[in-house]
Protein backbone atom coordinates (compact mmCIF):
# COMPACT_ATOMS: atom_id res chain seq x y z
CA MET A 1 -145.34 30.39 -44.17
CA HIS A 2 -145.30 29.02 -39.98
CA GLY A 3 -148.83 28.77 -38.28
CA LEU A 4 -151.55 25.99 -38.24
CA LEU A 5 -154.67 25.21 -40.01
CA VAL A 6 -157.85 23.72 -39.00
CA ILE A 7 -159.04 21.13 -41.43
CA ASP A 8 -162.24 20.03 -41.72
CA LYS A 9 -161.57 16.64 -42.89
CA PRO A 10 -163.70 14.71 -45.56
CA GLY A 11 -164.56 11.08 -44.75
CA GLY A 12 -162.99 8.34 -46.94
CA MET A 13 -159.41 10.28 -46.66
CA THR A 14 -156.58 9.13 -44.44
CA SER A 15 -154.74 12.22 -42.15
CA ARG A 16 -151.60 11.30 -44.45
CA GLY A 17 -153.81 12.47 -47.29
CA VAL A 18 -155.11 15.37 -45.94
CA VAL A 19 -151.17 16.12 -45.45
CA ASN A 20 -151.00 15.75 -48.86
CA ARG A 21 -153.71 17.68 -50.57
CA VAL A 22 -152.43 20.83 -47.75
CA GLN A 23 -148.95 20.64 -49.15
CA GLN A 24 -150.48 21.69 -52.57
CA TRP A 25 -151.38 25.44 -51.42
CA PHE A 26 -147.94 25.97 -50.28
CA PRO A 27 -144.23 26.00 -51.35
CA ARG A 28 -142.77 22.50 -52.20
CA LYS A 29 -140.33 22.29 -49.59
CA THR A 30 -142.42 23.69 -46.71
CA LYS A 31 -142.50 21.61 -43.33
CA ILE A 32 -146.32 20.20 -42.82
CA GLY A 33 -147.51 17.61 -40.34
CA HIS A 34 -150.98 16.67 -38.99
CA THR A 35 -151.62 16.35 -35.21
CA GLY A 36 -152.77 13.15 -34.30
CA THR A 37 -154.63 11.02 -36.94
CA LEU A 38 -158.18 10.49 -37.53
CA ASP A 39 -159.62 6.97 -39.18
CA PRO A 40 -160.74 7.35 -43.04
CA LEU A 41 -164.02 6.81 -41.88
CA ALA A 42 -163.95 9.84 -39.28
CA THR A 43 -164.21 13.68 -40.53
CA GLY A 44 -163.92 17.01 -38.47
CA VAL A 45 -161.17 18.39 -36.89
CA LEU A 46 -157.64 17.77 -38.27
CA VAL A 47 -155.03 20.38 -37.17
CA VAL A 48 -152.49 20.90 -39.27
CA CYS A 49 -148.84 22.47 -38.57
CA ILE A 50 -147.24 24.28 -41.26
CA GLY A 51 -143.64 25.11 -40.92
CA ALA A 52 -141.95 26.13 -37.45
CA ALA A 53 -145.55 25.10 -35.98
CA THR A 54 -144.51 21.37 -36.47
CA ARG A 55 -141.77 21.80 -33.60
CA LEU A 56 -144.98 22.60 -31.56
CA ALA A 57 -147.30 19.78 -33.17
CA ASP A 58 -146.77 17.88 -29.68
CA TYR A 59 -148.64 20.42 -27.76
CA VAL A 60 -151.44 19.92 -29.87
CA GLN A 61 -151.50 16.09 -29.24
CA GLU A 62 -151.55 17.08 -25.36
CA MET A 63 -154.79 18.95 -25.72
CA SER A 64 -158.46 17.60 -25.04
CA LYS A 65 -160.61 16.46 -27.46
CA SER A 66 -164.14 16.17 -28.18
CA TYR A 67 -165.91 13.82 -30.94
CA THR A 68 -169.70 12.78 -31.67
CA SER A 69 -170.35 9.18 -33.02
CA ARG A 70 -173.08 6.60 -34.00
CA PHE A 71 -172.32 3.40 -32.61
CA ARG A 72 -174.13 0.49 -34.16
CA LEU A 73 -174.56 -2.42 -31.44
CA GLY A 74 -176.00 -6.07 -32.46
CA VAL A 75 -172.57 -6.39 -35.04
CA THR A 76 -168.86 -6.80 -34.47
CA SER A 77 -165.97 -5.63 -36.78
CA THR A 78 -163.03 -6.52 -37.90
CA THR A 79 -161.56 -2.87 -37.50
CA ASP A 80 -164.26 -1.85 -34.69
CA ASP A 81 -165.99 0.31 -37.36
CA ALA A 82 -168.00 0.42 -40.14
CA ASP A 83 -165.07 -0.19 -42.67
CA GLY A 84 -164.27 -3.44 -41.61
CA GLU A 85 -165.68 -6.59 -42.20
CA VAL A 86 -168.97 -6.87 -40.23
CA THR A 87 -170.71 -9.52 -38.47
CA ALA A 88 -173.98 -10.16 -37.08
CA ILE A 89 -174.59 -11.04 -33.62
CA SER A 90 -177.54 -13.20 -32.74
CA ILE A 91 -179.58 -10.82 -30.01
CA GLU A 92 -182.95 -11.80 -28.47
CA THR A 93 -183.51 -8.77 -26.26
CA PRO A 94 -182.23 -5.44 -27.18
CA PRO A 95 -180.62 -3.55 -24.07
CA THR A 96 -182.82 -0.61 -22.62
CA ARG A 97 -181.59 3.03 -22.79
CA GLN A 98 -181.23 2.79 -19.17
CA LYS A 99 -178.92 -0.10 -19.30
CA ILE A 100 -176.77 1.47 -21.85
CA GLU A 101 -176.37 4.65 -19.54
CA LEU A 102 -175.43 2.56 -16.79
CA THR A 103 -173.28 0.71 -18.82
CA LEU A 104 -171.61 4.05 -20.53
CA GLU A 105 -170.70 5.10 -16.74
CA SER A 106 -168.21 2.55 -16.36
CA PHE A 107 -166.17 3.94 -19.25
CA VAL A 108 -165.67 7.79 -17.29
CA GLY A 109 -162.46 8.47 -15.62
CA MET A 110 -158.77 7.04 -15.93
CA VAL A 111 -159.62 3.58 -17.60
CA ASP A 112 -157.44 0.86 -19.24
CA GLN A 113 -158.09 0.76 -22.81
CA VAL A 114 -157.29 -1.83 -25.63
CA PRO A 115 -156.11 -0.14 -28.65
CA PRO A 116 -158.12 -1.28 -32.07
CA ALA A 117 -155.97 -3.99 -33.65
CA PHE A 118 -156.50 -1.64 -36.81
CA SER A 119 -154.71 1.58 -35.61
CA ALA A 120 -151.40 3.39 -36.35
CA LEU A 121 -149.62 2.15 -33.53
CA LYS A 122 -146.38 0.29 -33.87
CA VAL A 123 -145.79 -3.15 -32.86
CA LEU A 124 -142.33 -4.73 -33.60
CA GLY A 125 -141.42 -1.56 -35.68
CA GLN A 126 -144.45 -1.87 -37.72
CA ARG A 127 -147.85 -0.21 -37.96
CA ALA A 128 -150.73 -2.20 -36.28
CA HIS A 129 -152.83 -1.89 -39.24
CA SER A 130 -150.31 -2.87 -41.56
CA LEU A 131 -149.69 -6.55 -39.70
CA ALA A 132 -153.35 -6.86 -39.36
CA ARG A 133 -154.40 -6.33 -43.10
CA GLN A 134 -151.58 -9.12 -43.98
CA GLY A 135 -153.66 -11.36 -41.60
CA ASN A 136 -151.43 -11.68 -38.63
CA GLU A 137 -152.89 -11.68 -35.32
CA VAL A 138 -152.22 -8.31 -33.48
CA GLN A 139 -152.66 -7.75 -29.35
CA LEU A 140 -152.26 -4.52 -28.01
CA ALA A 141 -151.59 -4.46 -24.52
CA PRO A 142 -154.16 -1.75 -22.53
CA ARG A 143 -153.56 1.92 -22.49
CA PRO A 144 -154.56 4.51 -19.76
CA VAL A 145 -156.40 7.04 -21.12
CA ARG A 146 -158.48 9.77 -19.72
CA ILE A 147 -162.33 9.85 -20.79
CA ASP A 148 -163.60 12.83 -19.26
CA ALA A 149 -167.60 12.50 -20.04
CA ILE A 150 -169.89 10.44 -22.62
CA ARG A 151 -173.20 11.45 -23.29
CA LEU A 152 -175.76 9.44 -25.11
CA THR A 153 -177.73 11.83 -27.16
CA GLY A 154 -180.00 9.04 -29.11
CA TYR A 155 -180.74 5.44 -29.33
CA ASP A 156 -183.32 3.73 -31.30
CA TRP A 157 -181.88 0.37 -31.78
CA PRO A 158 -179.91 -0.66 -33.20
CA PHE A 159 -178.10 2.73 -33.46
CA LEU A 160 -177.11 5.32 -30.38
CA ASP A 161 -175.39 8.38 -30.82
CA VAL A 162 -173.33 9.78 -28.10
CA ASP A 163 -170.98 12.74 -27.74
CA VAL A 164 -167.47 11.90 -25.95
CA ASP A 165 -165.08 14.09 -24.66
CA CYS A 166 -161.75 12.51 -23.89
CA GLY A 167 -157.49 12.87 -23.29
CA LYS A 168 -154.81 11.95 -25.64
CA GLY A 169 -154.70 8.39 -27.25
CA THR A 170 -158.53 7.56 -26.36
CA TYR A 171 -159.97 5.69 -29.40
CA ILE A 172 -163.97 6.18 -29.74
CA ARG A 173 -163.72 2.90 -32.03
CA SER A 174 -162.42 0.73 -28.42
CA ILE A 175 -165.60 2.31 -26.59
CA ALA A 176 -167.91 1.36 -28.88
CA ARG A 177 -166.44 -2.30 -28.93
CA ASP A 178 -165.91 -2.72 -25.07
CA LEU A 179 -169.83 -1.05 -24.85
CA GLY A 180 -171.04 -3.73 -27.19
CA ALA A 181 -168.71 -6.24 -25.16
CA LYS A 182 -170.20 -5.38 -21.89
CA LEU A 183 -174.32 -5.27 -22.94
CA GLY A 184 -173.52 -8.97 -24.90
CA CYS A 185 -174.64 -7.56 -28.23
CA GLY A 186 -171.38 -6.25 -30.03
CA GLY A 187 -170.70 -2.86 -30.87
CA ILE A 188 -169.03 -0.84 -33.46
CA VAL A 189 -168.44 2.58 -34.59
CA GLN A 190 -170.68 3.44 -37.62
CA THR A 191 -170.02 7.23 -37.85
CA LEU A 192 -167.56 9.50 -36.12
CA ARG A 193 -166.26 13.12 -35.92
CA ARG A 194 -164.25 14.97 -33.85
CA THR A 195 -165.83 18.33 -33.23
CA ARG A 196 -162.75 19.84 -31.41
CA ILE A 197 -159.11 19.51 -30.15
CA GLY A 198 -158.56 22.29 -27.32
CA PRO A 199 -159.12 25.50 -28.51
CA PHE A 200 -159.66 24.34 -32.06
CA ILE A 201 -163.54 23.59 -33.13
CA ALA A 202 -164.82 22.41 -36.28
CA GLU A 203 -166.63 25.56 -37.47
CA GLN A 204 -162.90 27.14 -37.72
CA GLY A 205 -162.28 23.98 -40.51
CA ILE A 206 -161.72 24.56 -43.77
CA GLY A 207 -162.67 22.14 -46.74
CA LEU A 208 -159.98 20.72 -48.96
CA ASP A 209 -161.42 22.30 -52.05
CA ALA A 210 -160.57 25.75 -50.96
CA LYS A 211 -158.03 27.87 -52.60
CA SER A 212 -154.74 28.89 -51.69
CA GLU A 213 -155.46 32.38 -51.15
CA GLN A 214 -158.26 31.32 -49.29
CA VAL A 215 -155.76 29.78 -46.15
CA LYS A 216 -155.06 31.65 -43.40
CA LEU A 217 -152.75 30.27 -40.88
CA LEU A 218 -153.46 30.49 -37.32
CA PRO A 219 -150.54 31.97 -35.22
CA LEU A 220 -148.10 29.92 -33.59
CA THR A 221 -149.14 30.98 -29.82
CA THR A 222 -152.31 29.10 -30.56
CA ALA A 223 -150.55 25.53 -29.98
CA ILE A 224 -149.68 26.48 -26.76
CA THR A 225 -152.74 28.19 -25.30
CA GLY A 226 -153.13 27.59 -21.84
CA LEU A 227 -149.59 27.56 -20.58
CA PRO A 228 -148.44 31.49 -19.04
CA GLN A 229 -146.79 33.93 -21.23
CA VAL A 230 -143.88 36.52 -20.74
CA ARG A 231 -143.28 39.45 -23.31
CA ILE A 232 -139.82 40.14 -23.34
CA ASP A 233 -138.07 43.37 -25.11
CA ALA A 234 -135.18 43.09 -28.01
CA GLU A 235 -132.09 42.85 -25.67
CA THR A 236 -133.86 40.43 -23.72
CA GLU A 237 -135.13 38.37 -26.84
CA ARG A 238 -131.52 38.21 -28.42
CA ARG A 239 -130.34 37.09 -24.99
CA PHE A 240 -132.95 33.84 -25.02
CA ARG A 241 -132.64 33.35 -28.59
CA ASN A 242 -129.15 32.26 -28.31
CA GLY A 243 -129.53 29.89 -25.48
CA GLN A 244 -129.23 31.97 -22.14
CA SER A 245 -131.39 32.01 -19.26
CA ILE A 246 -133.93 35.52 -18.69
CA ARG A 247 -135.34 36.57 -15.89
CA ASN A 248 -138.41 34.88 -14.83
CA SER A 249 -141.07 38.01 -13.97
CA LEU A 250 -144.08 35.68 -13.03
CA LYS A 251 -142.28 34.60 -10.10
CA ASP A 252 -143.42 31.66 -8.03
CA ALA A 253 -147.36 31.57 -8.02
CA LEU A 254 -147.12 29.32 -11.04
CA ALA A 255 -147.56 25.93 -10.84
CA THR A 256 -147.00 25.05 -14.35
CA LYS A 257 -142.72 24.81 -14.87
CA GLU A 258 -143.46 25.71 -18.94
CA ILE A 259 -143.51 29.32 -20.01
CA VAL A 260 -144.56 30.95 -23.37
CA VAL A 261 -141.76 33.63 -24.25
CA VAL A 262 -142.78 36.52 -26.97
CA ASN A 263 -141.69 39.78 -28.35
CA GLU A 264 -142.66 42.77 -28.19
CA GLY A 265 -144.66 42.48 -30.79
CA GLY A 266 -146.63 38.95 -29.71
CA GLU A 267 -145.16 36.70 -31.69
CA LEU A 268 -143.37 33.45 -30.61
CA VAL A 269 -139.70 33.45 -29.49
CA GLY A 270 -140.04 29.89 -27.41
CA ILE A 271 -140.91 27.97 -24.74
CA GLY A 272 -138.63 27.69 -21.47
CA THR A 273 -138.57 26.25 -17.96
CA ARG A 274 -138.47 27.97 -14.48
CA ARG A 275 -135.31 27.58 -12.65
CA GLY A 276 -135.83 29.30 -9.77
CA ALA A 277 -135.82 33.28 -10.68
CA GLU A 278 -135.05 32.41 -14.30
CA ILE A 279 -136.63 30.96 -17.37
CA HIS A 280 -134.34 28.85 -19.26
CA PRO A 281 -134.78 28.14 -23.32
CA VAL A 282 -135.95 24.78 -24.24
CA LEU A 283 -137.26 25.27 -27.46
CA VAL A 284 -136.36 28.33 -29.34
CA LEU A 285 -137.98 29.31 -32.66
CA ASN A 286 -135.20 31.21 -35.05
CA LEU A 287 -138.13 32.27 -38.01
């Protein structure tokens, strides 16, 4: 009962709603949590952590992500997507594909992005979307986000299709909104699908209509793909689980300070940090 699931989230459902459905596949007291909110309008990859994997959720959240989205120009929305109250903008001449491509280039790199007012971020202890639904004016400060690439894959006014590769905390709705503002015509997300989180891809996703016997958990180590790994014997495992440092067999050739520790069977024991010639435990999984 410890591992990860890749869910292919359907549209019209909150991420919390997905967790509630997944809960039905497991014993009642099993710990379950998702690794990054998807808007109700969005579909695609939602990684769900089961049991001890919930302690590794932050590692999944830090992974890069990929999306495919259809933007609608010539309108604005209270939520920056098609689920909100949409207002048409009068446009004399639609922007050309060349202008759109040049404008999209300005979003690539490390940029300051203002999150949508309707988001799960907290303002004075409350979710921004809750305040916005109550009619309160929500002003969120810009935050630095990393956008690796935006590819324009199709354009037929007022719709344009894009693929986006980005880092943690990037809002595709904000890209659509800000693109529309720069073009002077408004813009919202019409459709959105997350196709990848780190190594987790949409093709792995299972639907919520699956039977419990069809559910196969991915191993805990998939949550920390990319970190260096050491394998230890039974006696060293006992000492690590008891909070003792162990010898660092990886030496100093690696730039990262975090190291994954697995036992002789390849099962995750925990995560440690380098301290000279030793690995000090910072997270130990006693399953």
